[in-house]
Amino acid sequence: MDEFDILIVGTGAMACLFAARLSAAKLRVMMLGTWVDGLQALRSQGVHVINDEGEQVYSVKVSDDPKACEGAKLILVMVKAWQTEQAGQRLLQCITPNALVLTLQNGDGNYEKLSRLLGVNRVAVGATTVGATLLGPATVRPAGDGVITLGIHGRLKPMADLLGKAGFIVETAPDISSVQWGKLVINAAINPLTALLRVQNGELLKRASARSVMTSAAREAAAVAIAKGVHLPYPDPVLAAEAIARRTAMNYSSMLQDILRGAQTEIDFINGAVVQEGEKKGVPVVVNRTLWLLIKAAAGR
C-alpha cells in the first residue's frame, strides 16, 4: 500500500492550502520542496491554517528528497512558474510510469515544460481561482473560495475525485487555454500593480490612476490572447479584472507576497509572457512591458 495518496510539489501558500484541505479529508499527503524554512516548519508543526474561525493544524509528510516520494501516482505541481523545470526534473526520480501530474500553476508555459520532461500522457493542466496568503513558513490564510477547472485528459478522474473529496469545486473545460489565458489576463492587470504599490487588490479600484493602468494592462493582454486565437471566458477583460479585484479586495496578490519577502516573482511568466506573445503577433504591449520591467527593477533584476 502506498504511504501517501497524493504528492504535492511545493511548500508555498497554495501548496500548503491544498495540503491542509486534502489532509482534512483524511487523505495522506506528501509534500516535496526545496524551501528550507518551509520544510522545517512543516516537519515540526504541520500546516497551520488561520481563518475567521481560528487556527487549525494539519499533519503532512514532507521531504526535500525525490527518492522519499518514489511510487507517486497522483501529483499536484504547485511551485512558482520559474521553478517548473526543476520540479519536472525532480519528479523524474520518483513518479511511476502511469502517474498523473496535474499543474495548477500561474503563468504561461508550465504544461509545455512538464510535458516535454515527463510525457504528455502523464501531464494534465488546469487552473484555479482558489487563493491563499502565506503568513509565514507552513502558515496560510485562505483567500476565499474558488473553482478548479481542469482540461480534458483521459486519466484525470482519480485526481478530480480526490480534489472533490477535499471540498474543492471541480469543473472541466473543453478549451483549457481559454481558462488559462482568462486568468493570465487578470493576473497581468492586478498582480504587478499591487506589488508595485504594495496594496491589497481592492485598493486598485479606489485609485483612479491605478484603475486606469489596470484597464490598459487588461485590454492589452486580452488583445494578445485574441490574436493567438484564444476565446476568453468573459466578454470584457476590464470588467472581469475589476470584478476579481472587488471579490478579492482584502487579498494580497501572490506577486506582492513575493516582493515583500524578497522572493523571485512570476512576472516573466505573466506580463513577460504577454509581451513575448504580443511581439510575435504584432500586438502593442507598452503597458505590460512597462509593468514587467518595473517589477524586475523592483526585484533588483
C-alpha atoms as a PDB file:
ATOM      1  CA  MET A   1       0.000   0.000   0.000  1.00  0.00           C
ATOM      2  CA  ASP A   2       1.258   3.477  -0.817  1.00  0.00           C
ATOM      3  CA  GLU A   3       2.427   5.593   2.100  1.00  0.00           C
ATOM      4  CA  PHE A   4       0.595   8.595   0.701  1.00  0.00           C
ATOM      5  CA  ASP A   5      -2.410   9.251  -1.512  1.00  0.00           C
ATOM      6  CA  ILE A   6      -1.171  12.382  -3.235  1.00  0.00           C
ATOM      7  CA  LEU A   7       2.142  14.177  -3.724  1.00  0.00           C
ATOM      8  CA  ILE A   8       2.201  17.983  -3.744  1.00  0.00           C
ATOM      9  CA  VAL A   9       5.284  19.594  -5.256  1.00  0.00           C
ATOM     10  CA  GLY A  10       5.844  22.896  -3.473  1.00  0.00           C
ATOM     11  CA  THR A  11       5.667  24.277   0.062  1.00  0.00           C
ATOM     12  CA  GLY A  12       4.310  27.786  -0.546  1.00  0.00           C
ATOM     13  CA  ALA A  13       0.892  29.301   0.080  1.00  0.00           C
ATOM     14  CA  MET A  14      -1.155  27.317  -2.413  1.00  0.00           C
ATOM     15  CA  ALA A  15       0.696  24.063  -1.767  1.00  0.00           C
ATOM     16  CA  CYS A  16       0.049  24.407   1.965  1.00  0.00           C
ATOM     17  CA  LEU A  17      -3.615  25.304   1.486  1.00  0.00           C
ATOM     18  CA  PHE A  18      -4.236  22.303  -0.765  1.00  0.00           C
ATOM     19  CA  ALA A  19      -2.261  20.039   1.570  1.00  0.00           C
ATOM     20  CA  ALA A  20      -4.376  21.173   4.520  1.00  0.00           C
ATOM     21  CA  ARG A  21      -7.688  20.629   2.764  1.00  0.00           C
ATOM     22  CA  LEU A  22      -6.663  17.229   1.447  1.00  0.00           C
ATOM     23  CA  SER A  23      -5.389  16.226   4.891  1.00  0.00           C
ATOM     24  CA  ALA A  24      -8.639  17.415   6.461  1.00  0.00           C
ATOM     25  CA  ALA A  25     -10.412  14.984   4.132  1.00  0.00           C
ATOM     26  CA  LYS A  26      -8.391  12.136   5.689  1.00  0.00           C
ATOM     27  CA  LEU A  27      -6.098  11.801   2.696  1.00  0.00           C
ATOM     28  CA  ARG A  28      -2.414  11.061   3.193  1.00  0.00           C
ATOM     29  CA  VAL A  29      -0.410  13.952   1.801  1.00  0.00           C
ATOM     30  CA  MET A  30       3.291  14.056   0.918  1.00  0.00           C
ATOM     31  CA  MET A  31       4.920  17.410   0.126  1.00  0.00           C
ATOM     32  CA  LEU A  32       8.163  17.708  -1.851  1.00  0.00           C
ATOM     33  CA  GLY A  33      10.011  21.002  -1.665  1.00  0.00           C
ATOM     34  CA  THR A  34      13.273  22.925  -1.566  1.00  0.00           C
ATOM     35  CA  TRP A  35      12.432  25.907   0.677  1.00  0.00           C
ATOM     36  CA  VAL A  36      14.412  25.179   3.840  1.00  0.00           C
ATOM     37  CA  ASP A  37      12.308  27.267   6.243  1.00  0.00           C
ATOM     38  CA  GLY A  38       9.099  25.865   4.827  1.00  0.00           C
ATOM     39  CA  LEU A  39      10.321  22.287   5.078  1.00  0.00           C
ATOM     40  CA  GLN A  40      11.472  22.738   8.665  1.00  0.00           C
ATOM     41  CA  ALA A  41       8.155  24.285   9.709  1.00  0.00           C
ATOM     42  CA  LEU A  42       6.129  21.561   8.012  1.00  0.00           C
ATOM     43  CA  ARG A  43       8.176  18.842   9.690  1.00  0.00           C
ATOM     44  CA  SER A  44       7.931  20.356  13.146  1.00  0.00           C
ATOM     45  CA  GLN A  45       4.391  21.693  13.213  1.00  0.00           C
ATOM     46  CA  GLY A  46       2.439  20.674  10.108  1.00  0.00           C
ATOM     47  CA  VAL A  47       0.349  23.108   8.073  1.00  0.00           C
ATOM     48  CA  HIS A  48      -1.303  25.906  10.047  1.00  0.00           C
ATOM     49  CA  VAL A  49      -4.453  27.394   8.503  1.00  0.00           C
ATOM     50  CA  ILE A  50      -5.695  30.647  10.016  1.00  0.00           C
ATOM     51  CA  ASN A  51      -9.183  31.947   9.234  1.00  0.00           C
ATOM     52  CA  ASP A  52     -12.104  33.686  10.909  1.00  0.00           C
ATOM     53  CA  GLU A  53     -12.902  30.521  12.869  1.00  0.00           C
ATOM     54  CA  GLY A  54      -9.445  30.387  14.392  1.00  0.00           C
ATOM     55  CA  GLU A  55      -6.465  28.173  13.653  1.00  0.00           C
ATOM     56  CA  GLN A  56      -6.327  24.562  12.517  1.00  0.00           C
ATOM     57  CA  VAL A  57      -3.254  22.344  12.192  1.00  0.00           C
ATOM     58  CA  TYR A  58      -2.881  19.507   9.688  1.00  0.00           C
ATOM     59  CA  SER A  59      -0.205  16.837   9.650  1.00  0.00           C
ATOM     60  CA  VAL A  60       1.558  16.023   6.383  1.00  0.00           C
ATOM     61  CA  LYS A  61       4.602  14.058   5.287  1.00  0.00           C
ATOM     62  CA  VAL A  62       7.373  16.218   3.855  1.00  0.00           C
ATOM     63  CA  SER A  63      10.739  15.759   2.163  1.00  0.00           C
ATOM     64  CA  ASP A  64      13.346  17.549   0.079  1.00  0.00           C
ATOM     65  CA  ASP A  65      14.433  14.227  -1.457  1.00  0.00           C
ATOM     66  CA  PRO A  66      12.536  12.924  -4.509  1.00  0.00           C
ATOM     67  CA  LYS A  67      13.551   9.383  -3.592  1.00  0.00           C
ATOM     68  CA  ALA A  68      11.353   9.657  -0.498  1.00  0.00           C
ATOM     69  CA  CYS A  69       8.407  10.090  -2.871  1.00  0.00           C
ATOM     70  CA  GLU A  70       9.055   7.020  -5.025  1.00  0.00           C
ATOM     71  CA  GLY A  71       5.919   5.387  -6.343  1.00  0.00           C
ATOM     72  CA  ALA A  72       3.982   8.650  -6.620  1.00  0.00           C
ATOM     73  CA  LYS A  73       0.920   8.169  -8.807  1.00  0.00           C
ATOM     74  CA  LEU A  74      -1.111  11.347  -8.287  1.00  0.00           C
ATOM     75  CA  ILE A  75       0.891  14.565  -8.217  1.00  0.00           C
ATOM     76  CA  LEU A  76      -0.082  18.226  -7.914  1.00  0.00           C
ATOM     77  CA  VAL A  77       2.541  20.721  -9.101  1.00  0.00           C
ATOM     78  CA  MET A  78       2.132  23.995  -7.201  1.00  0.00           C
ATOM     79  CA  VAL A  79       5.540  25.652  -7.408  1.00  0.00           C
ATOM     80  CA  LYS A  80       6.229  29.065  -8.928  1.00  0.00           C
ATOM     81  CA  ALA A  81       6.481  29.114 -12.708  1.00  0.00           C
ATOM     82  CA  TRP A  82      10.225  29.768 -12.627  1.00  0.00           C
ATOM     83  CA  GLN A  83      10.652  26.519 -10.658  1.00  0.00           C
ATOM     84  CA  THR A  84       8.766  24.304 -13.118  1.00  0.00           C
ATOM     85  CA  GLU A  85      11.794  22.935 -14.947  1.00  0.00           C
ATOM     86  CA  GLN A  86      13.450  21.920 -11.689  1.00  0.00           C
ATOM     87  CA  ALA A  87      10.222  20.381 -10.397  1.00  0.00           C
ATOM     88  CA  GLY A  88       9.900  18.276 -13.532  1.00  0.00           C
ATOM     89  CA  GLN A  89      13.468  17.031 -13.215  1.00  0.00           C
ATOM     90  CA  ARG A  90      12.868  16.053  -9.596  1.00  0.00           C
ATOM     91  CA  LEU A  91       9.646  14.244 -10.471  1.00  0.00           C
ATOM     92  CA  LEU A  92      11.508  12.100 -12.991  1.00  0.00           C
ATOM     93  CA  GLN A  93      13.221  10.485  -9.992  1.00  0.00           C
ATOM     94  CA  CYS A  94      10.084   9.323  -8.224  1.00  0.00           C
ATOM     95  CA  ILE A  95       6.912   9.041 -10.309  1.00  0.00           C
ATOM     96  CA  THR A  96       5.564   5.800 -11.726  1.00  0.00           C
ATOM     97  CA  PRO A  97       5.181   5.183 -15.483  1.00  0.00           C
ATOM     98  CA  ASN A  98       1.396   5.529 -15.147  1.00  0.00           C
ATOM     99  CA  ALA A  99       1.481   8.594 -12.885  1.00  0.00           C
ATOM    100  CA  LEU A 100      -0.797  11.591 -13.427  1.00  0.00           C
ATOM    101  CA  VAL A 101       0.794  15.007 -12.875  1.00  0.00           C
ATOM    102  CA  LEU A 102      -1.564  17.990 -12.683  1.00  0.00           C
ATOM    103  CA  THR A 103      -0.289  21.557 -12.881  1.00  0.00           C
ATOM    104  CA  LEU A 104      -2.486  24.296 -11.418  1.00  0.00           C
ATOM    105  CA  GLN A 105       0.260  26.921 -11.612  1.00  0.00           C
ATOM    106  CA  ASN A 106       0.049  30.559 -12.609  1.00  0.00           C
ATOM    107  CA  GLY A 107       1.662  31.824 -15.772  1.00  0.00           C
ATOM    108  CA  ASP A 108       2.268  30.531 -19.266  1.00  0.00           C
ATOM    109  CA  GLY A 109       4.324  27.533 -20.412  1.00  0.00           C
ATOM    110  CA  ASN A 110       4.202  25.250 -17.364  1.00  0.00           C
ATOM    111  CA  TYR A 111       2.271  22.459 -19.068  1.00  0.00           C
ATOM    112  CA  GLU A 112       4.617  22.506 -22.053  1.00  0.00           C
ATOM    113  CA  LYS A 113       7.728  22.204 -19.854  1.00  0.00           C
ATOM    114  CA  LEU A 114       6.312  19.358 -17.784  1.00  0.00           C
ATOM    115  CA  SER A 115       5.009  17.506 -20.851  1.00  0.00           C
ATOM    116  CA  ARG A 116       8.402  17.714 -22.514  1.00  0.00           C
ATOM    117  CA  LEU A 117      10.101  16.280 -19.441  1.00  0.00           C
ATOM    118  CA  LEU A 118       7.520  13.745 -18.271  1.00  0.00           C
ATOM    119  CA  GLY A 119       5.479  12.945 -21.391  1.00  0.00           C
ATOM    120  CA  VAL A 120       2.076  14.222 -22.486  1.00  0.00           C
ATOM    121  CA  ASN A 121       0.301  11.095 -21.255  1.00  0.00           C
ATOM    122  CA  ARG A 122       1.421  11.795 -17.703  1.00  0.00           C
ATOM    123  CA  VAL A 123       0.705  15.535 -17.556  1.00  0.00           C
ATOM    124  CA  ALA A 124      -2.629  17.341 -17.279  1.00  0.00           C
ATOM    125  CA  VAL A 125      -3.347  21.030 -16.934  1.00  0.00           C
ATOM    126  CA  GLY A 126      -5.853  23.088 -15.027  1.00  0.00           C
ATOM    127  CA  ALA A 127      -6.388  26.480 -13.445  1.00  0.00           C
ATOM    128  CA  THR A 128      -7.819  27.621 -10.147  1.00  0.00           C
ATOM    129  CA  THR A 129      -9.301  30.747  -8.645  1.00  0.00           C
ATOM    130  CA  VAL A 130      -8.697  29.417  -5.129  1.00  0.00           C
ATOM    131  CA  GLY A 131      -6.349  31.769  -3.299  1.00  0.00           C
ATOM    132  CA  ALA A 132      -4.172  31.832  -0.197  1.00  0.00           C
ATOM    133  CA  THR A 133      -1.894  34.246   1.635  1.00  0.00           C
ATOM    134  CA  LEU A 134       1.334  32.937   3.110  1.00  0.00           C
ATOM    135  CA  LEU A 135       1.650  34.348   6.635  1.00  0.00           C
ATOM    136  CA  GLY A 136       4.899  32.544   7.330  1.00  0.00           C
ATOM    137  CA  PRO A 137       6.537  29.161   6.707  1.00  0.00           C
ATOM    138  CA  ALA A 138       3.786  26.489   6.699  1.00  0.00           C
ATOM    139  CA  THR A 139       1.170  29.063   7.780  1.00  0.00           C
ATOM    140  CA  VAL A 140      -1.554  30.264   5.428  1.00  0.00           C
ATOM    141  CA  ARG A 141      -4.768  32.220   5.383  1.00  0.00           C
ATOM    142  CA  PRO A 142      -7.371  31.126   2.784  1.00  0.00           C
ATOM    143  CA  ALA A 143      -8.227  33.956   0.401  1.00  0.00           C
ATOM    144  CA  GLY A 144     -11.770  32.981  -0.472  1.00  0.00           C
ATOM    145  CA  ASP A 145     -13.365  30.042  -2.221  1.00  0.00           C
ATOM    146  CA  GLY A 146     -12.813  29.444  -5.892  1.00  0.00           C
ATOM    147  CA  VAL A 147     -13.082  26.844  -8.621  1.00  0.00           C
ATOM    148  CA  ILE A 148     -10.621  24.328 -10.021  1.00  0.00           C
ATOM    149  CA  THR A 149     -11.064  23.999 -13.772  1.00  0.00           C
ATOM    150  CA  LEU A 150      -9.458  21.006 -15.443  1.00  0.00           C
ATOM    151  CA  GLY A 151      -8.620  20.425 -19.063  1.00  0.00           C
ATOM    152  CA  ILE A 152      -9.619  17.273 -20.874  1.00  0.00           C
ATOM    153  CA  HIS A 153      -7.423  14.291 -20.041  1.00  0.00           C
ATOM    154  CA  GLY A 154      -8.390  10.637 -20.109  1.00  0.00           C
ATOM    155  CA  ARG A 155      -6.751   9.825 -16.765  1.00  0.00           C
ATOM    156  CA  LEU A 156      -7.810  12.790 -14.623  1.00  0.00           C
ATOM    157  CA  LYS A 157     -10.779  11.214 -12.825  1.00  0.00           C
ATOM    158  CA  PRO A 158      -8.871   9.869  -9.769  1.00  0.00           C
ATOM    159  CA  MET A 159      -7.306  13.293  -9.218  1.00  0.00           C
ATOM    160  CA  ALA A 160     -10.628  15.079  -9.706  1.00  0.00           C
ATOM    161  CA  ASP A 161     -12.223  12.679  -7.211  1.00  0.00           C
ATOM    162  CA  LEU A 162      -9.578  13.435  -4.560  1.00  0.00           C
ATOM    163  CA  LEU A 163      -9.970  17.179  -5.043  1.00  0.00           C
ATOM    164  CA  GLY A 164     -13.727  16.821  -4.796  1.00  0.00           C
ATOM    165  CA  LYS A 165     -13.370  14.776  -1.610  1.00  0.00           C
ATOM    166  CA  ALA A 166     -11.382  17.687  -0.152  1.00  0.00           C
ATOM    167  CA  GLY A 167     -14.312  20.002  -0.807  1.00  0.00           C
ATOM    168  CA  PHE A 168     -12.979  21.789  -3.861  1.00  0.00           C
ATOM    169  CA  ILE A 169     -15.397  22.749  -6.623  1.00  0.00           C
ATOM    170  CA  VAL A 170     -14.047  20.929  -9.683  1.00  0.00           C
ATOM    171  CA  GLU A 171     -15.153  21.668 -13.229  1.00  0.00           C
ATOM    172  CA  THR A 172     -13.974  20.550 -16.668  1.00  0.00           C
ATOM    173  CA  ALA A 173     -13.446  22.828 -19.648  1.00  0.00           C
ATOM    174  CA  PRO A 174     -13.056  21.561 -23.213  1.00  0.00           C
ATOM    175  CA  ASP A 175     -10.860  24.582 -24.014  1.00  0.00           C
ATOM    176  CA  ILE A 176      -8.488  24.972 -21.088  1.00  0.00           C
ATOM    177  CA  SER A 177      -6.444  27.622 -22.936  1.00  0.00           C
ATOM    178  CA  SER A 178      -9.468  29.904 -22.595  1.00  0.00           C
ATOM    179  CA  VAL A 179      -9.445  29.452 -18.819  1.00  0.00           C
ATOM    180  CA  GLN A 180      -5.667  29.793 -18.545  1.00  0.00           C
ATOM    181  CA  TRP A 181      -5.449  32.965 -20.606  1.00  0.00           C
ATOM    182  CA  GLY A 182      -8.548  34.305 -18.902  1.00  0.00           C
ATOM    183  CA  LYS A 183      -6.700  34.039 -15.597  1.00  0.00           C
ATOM    184  CA  LEU A 184      -3.416  35.300 -17.058  1.00  0.00           C
ATOM    185  CA  VAL A 185      -5.089  38.471 -18.382  1.00  0.00           C
ATOM    186  CA  ILE A 186      -6.497  39.221 -14.924  1.00  0.00           C
ATOM    187  CA  ASN A 187      -3.209  38.424 -13.193  1.00  0.00           C
ATOM    188  CA  ALA A 188      -1.357  40.696 -15.613  1.00  0.00           C
ATOM    189  CA  ALA A 189      -3.734  43.533 -14.769  1.00  0.00           C
ATOM    190  CA  ILE A 190      -3.793  43.116 -10.976  1.00  0.00           C
ATOM    191  CA  ASN A 191      -0.654  41.430  -9.662  1.00  0.00           C
ATOM    192  CA  PRO A 192       2.159  43.752 -10.788  1.00  0.00           C
ATOM    193  CA  LEU A 193       0.241  46.873  -9.809  1.00  0.00           C
ATOM    194  CA  THR A 194      -0.468  45.617  -6.315  1.00  0.00           C
ATOM    195  CA  ALA A 195       3.184  44.593  -5.976  1.00  0.00           C
ATOM    196  CA  LEU A 196       4.484  47.970  -7.116  1.00  0.00           C
ATOM    197  CA  LEU A 197       2.042  49.953  -4.972  1.00  0.00           C
ATOM    198  CA  ARG A 198       2.203  47.430  -2.110  1.00  0.00           C
ATOM    199  CA  VAL A 199      -1.541  47.419  -1.656  1.00  0.00           C
ATOM    200  CA  GLN A 200      -4.365  44.909  -1.397  1.00  0.00           C
ATOM    201  CA  ASN A 201      -6.258  44.079  -4.571  1.00  0.00           C
ATOM    202  CA  GLY A 202      -9.264  46.234  -3.746  1.00  0.00           C
ATOM    203  CA  GLU A 203      -7.170  49.384  -3.437  1.00  0.00           C
ATOM    204  CA  LEU A 204      -6.706  49.376  -7.221  1.00  0.00           C
ATOM    205  CA  LEU A 205     -10.389  50.210  -7.607  1.00  0.00           C
ATOM    206  CA  LYS A 206     -10.133  53.188  -5.254  1.00  0.00           C
ATOM    207  CA  ARG A 207      -7.312  54.994  -7.054  1.00  0.00           C
ATOM    208  CA  ALA A 208      -8.280  56.424 -10.439  1.00  0.00           C
ATOM    209  CA  SER A 209      -4.722  56.330 -11.750  1.00  0.00           C
ATOM    210  CA  ALA A 210      -4.182  52.711 -10.686  1.00  0.00           C
ATOM    211  CA  ARG A 211      -7.530  51.701 -12.133  1.00  0.00           C
ATOM    212  CA  SER A 212      -6.564  53.305 -15.439  1.00  0.00           C
ATOM    213  CA  VAL A 213      -3.326  51.326 -15.634  1.00  0.00           C
ATOM    214  CA  MET A 214      -5.173  48.133 -14.694  1.00  0.00           C
ATOM    215  CA  THR A 215      -7.651  48.806 -17.500  1.00  0.00           C
ATOM    216  CA  SER A 216      -4.899  49.294 -20.086  1.00  0.00           C
ATOM    217  CA  ALA A 217      -2.983  46.197 -18.983  1.00  0.00           C
ATOM    218  CA  ALA A 218      -6.120  44.046 -19.166  1.00  0.00           C
ATOM    219  CA  ARG A 219      -7.049  45.309 -22.636  1.00  0.00           C
ATOM    220  CA  GLU A 220      -3.534  44.728 -23.986  1.00  0.00           C
ATOM    221  CA  ALA A 221      -3.320  41.210 -22.571  1.00  0.00           C
ATOM    222  CA  ALA A 222      -6.776  40.362 -23.904  1.00  0.00           C
ATOM    223  CA  ALA A 223      -5.803  41.636 -27.353  1.00  0.00           C
ATOM    224  CA  VAL A 224      -2.799  39.308 -27.311  1.00  0.00           C
ATOM    225  CA  ALA A 225      -4.986  36.351 -26.331  1.00  0.00           C
ATOM    226  CA  ILE A 226      -7.434  37.113 -29.133  1.00  0.00           C
ATOM    227  CA  ALA A 227      -4.581  37.428 -31.629  1.00  0.00           C
ATOM    228  CA  LYS A 228      -3.470  33.943 -30.556  1.00  0.00           C
ATOM    229  CA  GLY A 229      -6.939  32.623 -31.333  1.00  0.00           C
ATOM    230  CA  VAL A 230      -7.905  32.214 -27.685  1.00  0.00           C
ATOM    231  CA  HIS A 231     -11.568  32.718 -26.830  1.00  0.00           C
ATOM    232  CA  LEU A 232     -11.554  34.363 -23.419  1.00  0.00           C
ATOM    233  CA  PRO A 233     -14.145  33.177 -20.888  1.00  0.00           C
ATOM    234  CA  TYR A 234     -15.615  36.661 -20.465  1.00  0.00           C
ATOM    235  CA  PRO A 235     -16.741  39.366 -22.935  1.00  0.00           C
ATOM    236  CA  ASP A 236     -14.991  42.319 -21.273  1.00  0.00           C
ATOM    237  CA  PRO A 237     -11.485  41.886 -19.754  1.00  0.00           C
ATOM    238  CA  VAL A 238     -11.715  45.174 -17.851  1.00  0.00           C
ATOM    239  CA  LEU A 239     -14.968  44.270 -16.125  1.00  0.00           C
ATOM    240  CA  ALA A 240     -13.564  40.818 -15.388  1.00  0.00           C
ATOM    241  CA  ALA A 241     -10.402  42.230 -13.782  1.00  0.00           C
ATOM    242  CA  GLU A 242     -12.410  44.742 -11.767  1.00  0.00           C
ATOM    243  CA  ALA A 243     -14.780  42.014 -10.583  1.00  0.00           C
ATOM    244  CA  ILE A 244     -11.873  39.888  -9.342  1.00  0.00           C
ATOM    245  CA  ALA A 245     -10.232  42.880  -7.641  1.00  0.00           C
ATOM    246  CA  ARG A 246     -13.559  43.587  -5.933  1.00  0.00           C
ATOM    247  CA  ARG A 247     -14.168  39.962  -4.911  1.00  0.00           C
ATOM    248  CA  THR A 248     -10.616  39.628  -3.561  1.00  0.00           C
ATOM    249  CA  ALA A 249     -10.437  43.172  -2.202  1.00  0.00           C
ATOM    250  CA  MET A 250      -8.680  42.174   1.033  1.00  0.00           C
ATOM    251  CA  ASN A 251      -6.209  39.799  -0.621  1.00  0.00           C
ATOM    252  CA  TYR A 252      -2.511  40.383  -1.091  1.00  0.00           C
ATOM    253  CA  SER A 253      -1.605  39.118  -4.551  1.00  0.00           C
ATOM    254  CA  SER A 254       0.991  36.356  -4.839  1.00  0.00           C
ATOM    255  CA  MET A 255       3.335  38.784  -6.596  1.00  0.00           C
ATOM    256  CA  LEU A 256       3.091  41.279  -3.758  1.00  0.00           C
ATOM    257  CA  GLN A 257       3.748  38.458  -1.285  1.00  0.00           C
ATOM    258  CA  ASP A 258       6.881  37.530  -3.255  1.00  0.00           C
ATOM    259  CA  ILE A 259       8.124  41.127  -3.355  1.00  0.00           C
ATOM    260  CA  LEU A 260       7.565  41.607   0.372  1.00  0.00           C
ATOM    261  CA  ARG A 261       9.607  38.549   1.303  1.00  0.00           C
ATOM    262  CA  GLY A 262      12.334  39.165  -1.276  1.00  0.00           C
ATOM    263  CA  ALA A 263      11.456  36.116  -3.352  1.00  0.00           C
ATOM    264  CA  GLN A 264      11.623  35.759  -7.125  1.00  0.00           C
ATOM    265  CA  THR A 265       8.334  36.679  -8.798  1.00  0.00           C
ATOM    266  CA  GLU A 266       6.442  35.106 -11.691  1.00  0.00           C
ATOM    267  CA  ILE A 267       6.494  38.334 -13.699  1.00  0.00           C
ATOM    268  CA  ASP A 268       8.345  36.718 -16.626  1.00  0.00           C
ATOM    269  CA  PHE A 269       5.535  34.176 -16.987  1.00  0.00           C
ATOM    270  CA  ILE A 270       2.663  36.647 -16.630  1.00  0.00           C
ATOM    271  CA  ASN A 271       3.302  40.107 -18.069  1.00  0.00           C
ATOM    272  CA  GLY A 272       6.512  38.826 -19.629  1.00  0.00           C
ATOM    273  CA  ALA A 273       4.509  36.146 -21.437  1.00  0.00           C
ATOM    274  CA  VAL A 274       2.045  38.784 -22.655  1.00  0.00           C
ATOM    275  CA  VAL A 275       4.941  40.827 -24.034  1.00  0.00           C
ATOM    276  CA  GLN A 276       6.565  37.844 -25.725  1.00  0.00           C
ATOM    277  CA  GLU A 277       3.349  36.658 -27.355  1.00  0.00           C
ATOM    278  CA  GLY A 278       2.321  40.227 -28.241  1.00  0.00           C
ATOM    279  CA  GLU A 279       5.565  40.795 -30.105  1.00  0.00           C
ATOM    280  CA  LYS A 280       5.060  37.564 -32.039  1.00  0.00           C
ATOM    281  CA  LYS A 281       1.576  38.664 -33.090  1.00  0.00           C
ATOM    282  CA  GLY A 282       2.364  42.339 -33.653  1.00  0.00           C
ATOM    283  CA  VAL A 283       0.083  43.483 -30.822  1.00  0.00           C
ATOM    284  CA  PRO A 284       1.164  46.633 -28.897  1.00  0.00           C
ATOM    285  CA  VAL A 285       2.067  45.752 -25.296  1.00  0.00           C
ATOM    286  CA  VAL A 286       3.502  49.009 -23.954  1.00  0.00           C
ATOM    287  CA  VAL A 287       1.778  48.882 -20.563  1.00  0.00           C
ATOM    288  CA  ASN A 288       2.538  45.214 -19.938  1.00  0.00           C
ATOM    289  CA  ARG A 289       6.169  45.774 -20.951  1.00  0.00           C
ATOM    290  CA  THR A 290       6.416  48.670 -18.508  1.00  0.00           C
ATOM    291  CA  LEU A 291       4.908  46.646 -15.655  1.00  0.00           C
ATOM    292  CA  TRP A 292       7.195  43.722 -16.500  1.00  0.00           C
ATOM    293  CA  LEU A 293      10.314  45.893 -16.385  1.00  0.00           C
ATOM    294  CA  LEU A 294       9.254  47.778 -13.259  1.00  0.00           C
ATOM    295  CA  ILE A 295       8.746  44.555 -11.303  1.00  0.00           C
ATOM    296  CA  LYS A 296      12.117  43.263 -12.491  1.00  0.00           C
ATOM    297  CA  ALA A 297      13.682  46.549 -11.395  1.00  0.00           C
ATOM    298  CA  ALA A 298      11.909  46.415  -8.030  1.00  0.00           C
ATOM    299  CA  ALA A 299      13.304  42.918  -7.543  1.00  0.00           C
ATOM    300  CA  GLY A 300      16.810  44.117  -8.391  1.00  0.00           C
ATOM    301  CA  ARG A 301      16.972  42.389 -11.759  1.00  0.00           C
END
